[in-house]
């Protein structure tokens, strides 16, 4: 999931440099959503992880 967020971030940067503002905006929004979702799932897994 973090890899997908990085992929969309790279797409957003490339699209922004090339002048495709609509595509850059959508890709950066997707990257932000995936990154926040990754962080939430990571924090939840820290607290509810298996205890040995």
PDB file of N, CA and C in Angstrom:
ATOM      1  N   UNK A   1       0.832  -1.190   0.000  1.00  0.00           N
ATOM      2  CA  UNK A   1       0.000   0.000   0.000  1.00  0.00           C
ATOM      3  C   UNK A   1       0.874   1.250   0.000  1.00  0.00           C
ATOM      4  N   UNK A   2       1.948   1.191   0.747  1.00  0.00           N
ATOM      5  CA  UNK A   2       2.855   2.335   0.756  1.00  0.00           C
ATOM      6  C   UNK A   2       3.505   2.502  -0.614  1.00  0.00           C
ATOM      7  N   UNK A   3       3.748   1.378  -1.272  1.00  0.00           N
ATOM      8  CA  UNK A   3       4.306   1.429  -2.630  1.00  0.00           C
ATOM      9  C   UNK A   3       3.351   2.086  -3.609  1.00  0.00           C
ATOM     10  N   UNK A   4       2.059   1.808  -3.459  1.00  0.00           N
ATOM     11  CA  UNK A   4       1.065   2.452  -4.319  1.00  0.00           C
ATOM     12  C   UNK A   4       1.008   3.955  -4.061  1.00  0.00           C
ATOM     13  N   UNK A   5       1.110   4.343  -2.807  1.00  0.00           N
ATOM     14  CA  UNK A   5       1.102   5.767  -2.481  1.00  0.00           C
ATOM     15  C   UNK A   5       2.304   6.463  -3.106  1.00  0.00           C
ATOM     16  N   UNK A   6       3.473   5.819  -3.050  1.00  0.00           N
ATOM     17  CA  UNK A   6       4.666   6.403  -3.662  1.00  0.00           C
ATOM     18  C   UNK A   6       4.522   6.476  -5.183  1.00  0.00           C
ATOM     19  N   UNK A   7       3.911   5.449  -5.789  1.00  0.00           N
ATOM     20  CA  UNK A   7       3.691   5.448  -7.237  1.00  0.00           C
ATOM     21  C   UNK A   7       2.809   6.620  -7.652  1.00  0.00           C
ATOM     22  N   UNK A   8       1.701   6.830  -6.955  1.00  0.00           N
ATOM     23  CA  UNK A   8       0.813   7.939  -7.289  1.00  0.00           C
ATOM     24  C   UNK A   8       1.475   9.284  -7.016  1.00  0.00           C
ATOM     25  N   UNK A   9       2.341   9.351  -6.009  1.00  0.00           N
ATOM     26  CA  UNK A   9       3.071  10.583  -5.745  1.00  0.00           C
ATOM     27  C   UNK A   9       4.009  10.900  -6.910  1.00  0.00           C
ATOM     28  N   UNK A  10       4.697   9.891  -7.417  1.00  0.00           N
ATOM     29  CA  UNK A  10       5.596  10.094  -8.559  1.00  0.00           C
ATOM     30  C   UNK A  10       4.808  10.496  -9.793  1.00  0.00           C
ATOM     31  N   UNK A  11       3.660   9.859 -10.018  1.00  0.00           N
ATOM     32  CA  UNK A  11       2.803  10.229 -11.149  1.00  0.00           C
ATOM     33  C   UNK A  11       2.361  11.680 -11.019  1.00  0.00           C
ATOM     34  N   UNK A  12       2.009  12.093  -9.803  1.00  0.00           N
ATOM     35  CA  UNK A  12       1.564  13.470  -9.583  1.00  0.00           C
ATOM     36  C   UNK A  12       2.692  14.456  -9.858  1.00  0.00           C
ATOM     37  N   UNK A  13       3.898  14.124  -9.441  1.00  0.00           N
ATOM     38  CA  UNK A  13       5.031  15.032  -9.664  1.00  0.00           C
ATOM     39  C   UNK A  13       5.336  15.156 -11.148  1.00  0.00           C
ATOM     40  N   UNK A  14       5.368  14.021 -11.850  1.00  0.00           N
ATOM     41  CA  UNK A  14       5.652  14.042 -13.289  1.00  0.00           C
ATOM     42  C   UNK A  14       4.545  14.788 -14.048  1.00  0.00           C
ATOM     43  N   UNK A  15       3.294  14.526 -13.691  1.00  0.00           N
ATOM     44  CA  UNK A  15       2.191  15.204 -14.361  1.00  0.00           C
ATOM     45  C   UNK A  15       2.214  16.701 -14.073  1.00  0.00           C
ATOM     46  N   UNK A  16       2.591  17.079 -12.864  1.00  0.00           N
ATOM     47  CA  UNK A  16       2.680  18.498 -12.530  1.00  0.00           C
ATOM     48  C   UNK A  16       3.782  19.194 -13.299  1.00  0.00           C
ATOM     49  N   UNK A  17       4.918  18.524 -13.471  1.00  0.00           N
ATOM     50  CA  UNK A  17       6.023  19.100 -14.226  1.00  0.00           C
ATOM     51  C   UNK A  17       5.649  19.262 -15.695  1.00  0.00           C
ATOM     52  N   UNK A  18       4.907  18.291 -16.231  1.00  0.00           N
ATOM     53  CA  UNK A  18       4.527  18.345 -17.640  1.00  0.00           C
ATOM     54  C   UNK A  18       3.318  19.239 -17.900  1.00  0.00           C
ATOM     55  N   UNK A  19       2.679  19.732 -16.860  1.00  0.00           N
ATOM     56  CA  UNK A  19       1.594  20.687 -17.024  1.00  0.00           C
ATOM     57  C   UNK A  19       0.205  20.086 -17.010  1.00  0.00           C
ATOM     58  N   UNK A  20       0.078  18.828 -16.649  1.00  0.00           N
ATOM     59  CA  UNK A  20      -1.243  18.203 -16.567  1.00  0.00           C
ATOM     60  C   UNK A  20      -1.774  18.383 -15.154  1.00  0.00           C
ATOM     61  N   UNK A  21      -2.341  19.537 -14.884  1.00  0.00           N
ATOM     62  CA  UNK A  21      -2.729  19.861 -13.512  1.00  0.00           C
ATOM     63  C   UNK A  21      -3.877  19.001 -13.005  1.00  0.00           C
ATOM     64  N   UNK A  22      -4.807  18.626 -13.880  1.00  0.00           N
ATOM     65  CA  UNK A  22      -5.928  17.793 -13.445  1.00  0.00           C
ATOM     66  C   UNK A  22      -5.472  16.418 -13.013  1.00  0.00           C
ATOM     67  N   UNK A  23      -4.616  15.807 -13.808  1.00  0.00           N
ATOM     68  CA  UNK A  23      -4.095  14.480 -13.479  1.00  0.00           C
ATOM     69  C   UNK A  23      -3.216  14.555 -12.236  1.00  0.00           C
ATOM     70  N   UNK A  24      -2.424  15.606 -12.126  1.00  0.00           N
ATOM     71  CA  UNK A  24      -1.553  15.764 -10.961  1.00  0.00           C
ATOM     72  C   UNK A  24      -2.371  15.904  -9.686  1.00  0.00           C
ATOM     73  N   UNK A  25      -3.457  16.650  -9.760  1.00  0.00           N
ATOM     74  CA  UNK A  25      -4.303  16.830  -8.580  1.00  0.00           C
ATOM     75  C   UNK A  25      -4.950  15.533  -8.133  1.00  0.00           C
ATOM     76  N   UNK A  26      -5.451  14.774  -9.090  1.00  0.00           N
ATOM     77  CA  UNK A  26      -6.089  13.502  -8.758  1.00  0.00           C
ATOM     78  C   UNK A  26      -5.067  12.517  -8.207  1.00  0.00           C
ATOM     79  N   UNK A  27      -3.901  12.433  -8.840  1.00  0.00           N
ATOM     80  CA  UNK A  27      -2.876  11.490  -8.387  1.00  0.00           C
ATOM     81  C   UNK A  27      -2.359  11.859  -7.003  1.00  0.00           C
ATOM     82  N   UNK A  28      -2.198  13.139  -6.721  1.00  0.00           N
ATOM     83  CA  UNK A  28      -1.716  13.535  -5.395  1.00  0.00           C
ATOM     84  C   UNK A  28      -2.773  13.275  -4.326  1.00  0.00           C
ATOM     85  N   UNK A  29      -4.040  13.439  -4.667  1.00  0.00           N
ATOM     86  CA  UNK A  29      -5.106  13.137  -3.719  1.00  0.00           C
ATOM     87  C   UNK A  29      -5.136  11.648  -3.397  1.00  0.00           C
ATOM     88  N   UNK A  30      -4.998  10.813  -4.418  1.00  0.00           N
ATOM     89  CA  UNK A  30      -4.963   9.371  -4.197  1.00  0.00           C
ATOM     90  C   UNK A  30      -3.760   8.997  -3.344  1.00  0.00           C
ATOM     91  N   UNK A  31      -2.611   9.608  -3.620  1.00  0.00           N
ATOM     92  CA  UNK A  31      -1.407   9.315  -2.839  1.00  0.00           C
ATOM     93  C   UNK A  31      -1.597   9.701  -1.374  1.00  0.00           C
ATOM     94  N   UNK A  32      -2.223  10.841  -1.128  1.00  0.00           N
ATOM     95  CA  UNK A  32      -2.453  11.279   0.246  1.00  0.00           C
ATOM     96  C   UNK A  32      -3.396  10.326   0.973  1.00  0.00           C
ATOM     97  N   UNK A  33      -4.462   9.910   0.308  1.00  0.00           N
ATOM     98  CA  UNK A  33      -5.432   9.002   0.925  1.00  0.00           C
ATOM     99  C   UNK A  33      -4.772   7.662   1.250  1.00  0.00           C
ATOM    100  N   UNK A  34      -4.000   7.118   0.302  1.00  0.00           N
ATOM    101  CA  UNK A  34      -3.338   5.841   0.547  1.00  0.00           C
ATOM    102  C   UNK A  34      -2.312   5.946   1.664  1.00  0.00           C
ATOM    103  N   UNK A  35      -1.596   7.064   1.738  1.00  0.00           N
ATOM    104  CA  UNK A  35      -0.592   7.232   2.787  1.00  0.00           C
ATOM    105  C   UNK A  35      -1.242   7.323   4.156  1.00  0.00           C
ATOM    106  N   UNK A  36      -2.324   8.068   4.273  1.00  0.00           N
ATOM    107  CA  UNK A  36      -3.032   8.174   5.558  1.00  0.00           C
ATOM    108  C   UNK A  36      -3.609   6.817   5.945  1.00  0.00           C
ATOM    109  N   UNK A  37      -4.169   6.092   4.986  1.00  0.00           N
ATOM    110  CA  UNK A  37      -4.705   4.769   5.259  1.00  0.00           C
ATOM    111  C   UNK A  37      -3.599   3.827   5.721  1.00  0.00           C
ATOM    112  N   UNK A  38      -2.429   3.904   5.083  1.00  0.00           N
ATOM    113  CA  UNK A  38      -1.286   3.102   5.505  1.00  0.00           C
ATOM    114  C   UNK A  38      -0.888   3.433   6.939  1.00  0.00           C
ATOM    115  N   UNK A  39      -0.812   4.714   7.278  1.00  0.00           N
ATOM    116  CA  UNK A  39      -0.433   5.103   8.634  1.00  0.00           C
ATOM    117  C   UNK A  39      -1.430   4.604   9.670  1.00  0.00           C
ATOM    118  N   UNK A  40      -2.716   4.714   9.361  1.00  0.00           N
ATOM    119  CA  UNK A  40      -3.745   4.256  10.298  1.00  0.00           C
ATOM    120  C   UNK A  40      -3.633   2.749  10.513  1.00  0.00           C
ATOM    121  N   UNK A  41      -3.486   1.993   9.427  1.00  0.00           N
ATOM    122  CA  UNK A  41      -3.369   0.545   9.552  1.00  0.00           C
ATOM    123  C   UNK A  41      -2.088   0.150  10.281  1.00  0.00           C
ATOM    124  N   UNK A  42      -1.011   0.894  10.067  1.00  0.00           N
ATOM    125  CA  UNK A  42       0.241   0.611  10.755  1.00  0.00           C
ATOM    126  C   UNK A  42       0.106   0.830  12.257  1.00  0.00           C
ATOM    127  N   UNK A  43      -0.513   1.926  12.649  1.00  0.00           N
ATOM    128  CA  UNK A  43      -0.693   2.218  14.075  1.00  0.00           C
ATOM    129  C   UNK A  43      -1.615   1.194  14.722  1.00  0.00           C
ATOM    130  N   UNK A  44      -2.687   0.812  14.024  1.00  0.00           N
ATOM    131  CA  UNK A  44      -3.597  -0.206  14.556  1.00  0.00           C
ATOM    132  C   UNK A  44      -2.868  -1.534  14.715  1.00  0.00           C
ATOM    133  N   UNK A  45      -2.029  -1.890  13.743  1.00  0.00           N
ATOM    134  CA  UNK A  45      -1.310  -3.161  13.836  1.00  0.00           C
ATOM    135  C   UNK A  45      -0.279  -3.140  14.963  1.00  0.00           C
ATOM    136  N   UNK A  46       0.258  -1.969  15.285  1.00  0.00           N
ATOM    137  CA  UNK A  46       1.179  -1.880  16.412  1.00  0.00           C
ATOM    138  C   UNK A  46       0.492  -2.198  17.727  1.00  0.00           C
ATOM    139  N   UNK A  47      -0.727  -1.706  17.880  1.00  0.00           N
ATOM    140  CA  UNK A  47      -1.444  -1.901  19.143  1.00  0.00           C
ATOM    141  C   UNK A  47      -2.126  -3.259  19.219  1.00  0.00           C
ATOM    142  N   UNK A  48      -2.522  -3.828  18.092  1.00  0.00           N
ATOM    143  CA  UNK A  48      -3.256  -5.095  18.125  1.00  0.00           C
ATOM    144  C   UNK A  48      -2.434  -6.249  17.575  1.00  0.00           C
ATOM    145  N   UNK A  49      -1.123  -6.058  17.474  1.00  0.00           N
ATOM    146  CA  UNK A  49      -0.262  -7.096  16.930  1.00  0.00           C
ATOM    147  C   UNK A  49      -0.190  -8.306  17.849  1.00  0.00           C
ATOM    148  N   UNK A  50       0.326  -9.373  17.299  1.00  0.00           N
ATOM    149  CA  UNK A  50       0.460 -10.589  18.099  1.00  0.00           C
ATOM    150  C   UNK A  50       1.497 -10.402  19.184  1.00  0.00           C
ATOM    151  N   UNK A  51       1.162 -10.836  20.349  1.00  0.00           N
ATOM    152  CA  UNK A  51       2.075 -10.737  21.481  1.00  0.00           C
ATOM    153  C   UNK A  51       2.647 -12.130  21.744  1.00  0.00           C
ATOM    154  N   UNK A  52       3.953 -12.192  21.937  1.00  0.00           N
ATOM    155  CA  UNK A  52       4.575 -13.496  22.198  1.00  0.00           C
ATOM    156  C   UNK A  52       4.892 -13.655  23.651  1.00  0.00           C
TER     157      UNK A  52
END
